[in-house]
């Protein structure tokens, strides 16, 4: 998988790439948006802890499909306020810290989720060689 960061564009604002190329023979894993809910139904306080939990849940899904963080090619994330961006980004960067190439990434501010305590939701697309 190749990173795409054309010199004609402004560089990414954080640790992500503008695009990724996936080979012609790849198996994709797409996750549903993961909300910050533990198996016991509880939710941690704070955007960074919630984002870290979302990524931990994503890691479990990826592992079930035979993948890991390094296979993620795209992240879509949603936060309920600009104030939560730094916490989310810290958790995202920690999740992908060991990856040679970060994924493409989108972060959107939304008005809310199904429960008021949710501050973050994250979904990913991963690609495995077939």
Protein backbone atom coordinates (compact mmCIF):
# COMPACT_ATOMS: atom_id res chain seq x y z
CA UNK A 1 0.00 0.00 0.00
CA UNK A 2 1.36 3.35 -1.01
CA UNK A 3 0.90 6.75 0.62
CA UNK A 4 -0.25 9.63 -1.57
CA UNK A 5 0.91 13.10 -0.52
CA UNK A 6 1.23 15.21 -3.70
CA UNK A 7 3.78 18.03 -3.44
CA UNK A 8 1.17 20.29 -5.06
CA UNK A 9 -1.05 20.10 -1.93
CA UNK A 10 -0.67 21.61 1.51
CA UNK A 11 0.81 18.91 3.74
CA UNK A 12 -1.56 17.08 6.11
CA UNK A 13 -2.33 18.98 9.32
CA UNK A 14 -1.43 15.98 11.53
CA UNK A 15 -0.05 12.44 11.26
CA UNK A 16 -2.12 11.14 8.34
CA UNK A 17 -1.75 10.97 4.57
CA UNK A 18 -3.92 12.51 1.87
CA UNK A 19 -4.54 9.12 0.26
CA UNK A 20 -3.55 5.47 0.09
CA UNK A 21 -3.26 3.14 -2.88
CA UNK A 22 -4.33 -0.45 -2.30
CA UNK A 23 -3.16 -3.18 -4.67
CA UNK A 24 -5.51 -4.94 -7.02
CA UNK A 25 -5.74 -8.03 -4.83
CA UNK A 26 -6.70 -6.91 -1.35
CA UNK A 27 -9.29 -8.00 1.18
CA UNK A 28 -11.08 -5.09 2.86
CA UNK A 29 -12.36 -4.88 6.41
CA UNK A 30 -14.85 -2.09 7.12
CA UNK A 31 -15.92 -1.44 10.68
CA UNK A 32 -19.11 0.13 11.84
CA UNK A 33 -18.66 3.32 13.81
CA UNK A 34 -17.39 2.34 17.23
CA UNK A 35 -18.80 4.23 20.18
CA UNK A 36 -16.92 4.41 23.49
CA UNK A 37 -18.71 1.55 25.24
CA UNK A 38 -16.97 -1.17 27.24
CA UNK A 39 -18.30 -4.72 27.19
CA UNK A 40 -20.02 -4.05 30.53
CA UNK A 41 -21.87 -1.07 29.00
CA UNK A 42 -19.89 1.66 30.74
CA UNK A 43 -18.32 4.68 29.05
CA UNK A 44 -15.15 6.45 30.24
CA UNK A 45 -15.03 10.19 30.83
CA UNK A 46 -13.17 12.49 28.45
CA UNK A 47 -12.56 12.49 24.73
CA UNK A 48 -9.08 10.93 24.83
CA UNK A 49 -10.22 7.99 26.98
CA UNK A 50 -13.30 7.54 24.81
CA UNK A 51 -11.26 7.63 21.59
CA UNK A 52 -8.75 5.17 23.05
CA UNK A 53 -11.64 2.82 23.84
CA UNK A 54 -13.02 3.22 20.31
CA UNK A 55 -9.61 2.26 18.91
CA UNK A 56 -9.31 -0.66 21.35
CA UNK A 57 -12.69 -1.92 20.12
CA UNK A 58 -11.50 -1.45 16.52
CA UNK A 59 -8.35 -3.45 17.31
CA UNK A 60 -10.56 -6.34 18.47
CA UNK A 61 -12.60 -6.21 15.26
CA UNK A 62 -9.48 -6.05 13.10
CA UNK A 63 -7.91 -8.98 14.97
CA UNK A 64 -11.06 -11.03 14.37
CA UNK A 65 -10.47 -10.45 10.64
CA UNK A 66 -6.73 -11.17 10.81
CA UNK A 67 -5.65 -7.51 10.65
CA UNK A 68 -4.04 -4.89 12.89
CA UNK A 69 -3.45 -1.14 13.00
CA UNK A 70 -0.87 -1.27 10.19
CA UNK A 71 -3.56 -2.54 7.81
CA UNK A 72 -5.82 0.49 8.34
CA UNK A 73 -5.96 2.67 5.23
CA UNK A 74 -8.69 5.12 6.26
CA UNK A 75 -10.16 6.54 9.48
CA UNK A 76 -13.42 8.47 9.77
CA UNK A 77 -13.93 10.04 13.17
CA UNK A 78 -16.60 12.20 14.72
CA UNK A 79 -16.41 14.40 17.83
CA UNK A 80 -19.09 16.53 19.40
CA UNK A 81 -16.98 19.67 19.91
CA UNK A 82 -13.72 21.25 18.73
CA UNK A 83 -12.53 20.96 22.32
CA UNK A 84 -12.44 17.15 21.87
CA UNK A 85 -10.17 17.21 18.80
CA UNK A 86 -6.87 17.17 20.74
CA UNK A 87 -7.90 14.23 22.91
CA UNK A 88 -9.14 12.30 19.89
CA UNK A 89 -5.95 13.03 17.93
CA UNK A 90 -3.75 11.92 20.85
CA UNK A 91 -5.56 8.57 20.98
CA UNK A 92 -5.43 8.19 17.19
CA UNK A 93 -1.71 8.97 17.08
CA UNK A 94 -1.05 6.48 19.91
CA UNK A 95 -2.99 3.76 18.09
CA UNK A 96 -0.99 4.26 14.88
CA UNK A 97 2.38 5.13 16.53
CA UNK A 98 4.08 1.90 15.42
CA UNK A 99 2.79 2.14 11.84
CA UNK A 100 5.34 3.18 9.21
CA UNK A 101 2.64 4.92 7.18
CA UNK A 102 -0.41 6.47 8.83
CA UNK A 103 -3.86 6.10 7.25
CA UNK A 104 -5.90 8.67 5.40
CA UNK A 105 -8.07 10.41 7.97
CA UNK A 106 -11.19 12.55 8.27
CA UNK A 107 -12.41 14.25 11.46
CA UNK A 108 -15.89 15.78 11.59
CA UNK A 109 -17.59 17.77 14.35
CA UNK A 110 -21.16 16.59 14.86
CA UNK A 111 -24.03 17.81 17.03
CA UNK A 112 -24.24 14.61 19.07
CA UNK A 113 -24.72 10.87 19.27
CA UNK A 114 -27.44 8.54 20.58
CA UNK A 115 -26.37 9.06 24.20
CA UNK A 116 -25.22 12.41 25.59
CA UNK A 117 -22.13 10.96 27.29
CA UNK A 118 -20.67 9.87 23.94
CA UNK A 119 -18.10 12.41 22.70
CA UNK A 120 -16.36 10.35 19.99
CA UNK A 121 -17.15 7.76 17.33
CA UNK A 122 -14.57 6.12 15.04
CA UNK A 123 -14.80 3.83 12.01
CA UNK A 124 -11.98 2.43 9.89
CA UNK A 125 -11.28 0.67 6.61
CA UNK A 126 -8.42 -1.81 6.55
CA UNK A 127 -6.86 -3.68 3.63
CA UNK A 128 -5.07 -7.02 3.76
CA UNK A 129 -3.13 -8.57 0.90
CA UNK A 130 -5.27 -11.31 -0.63
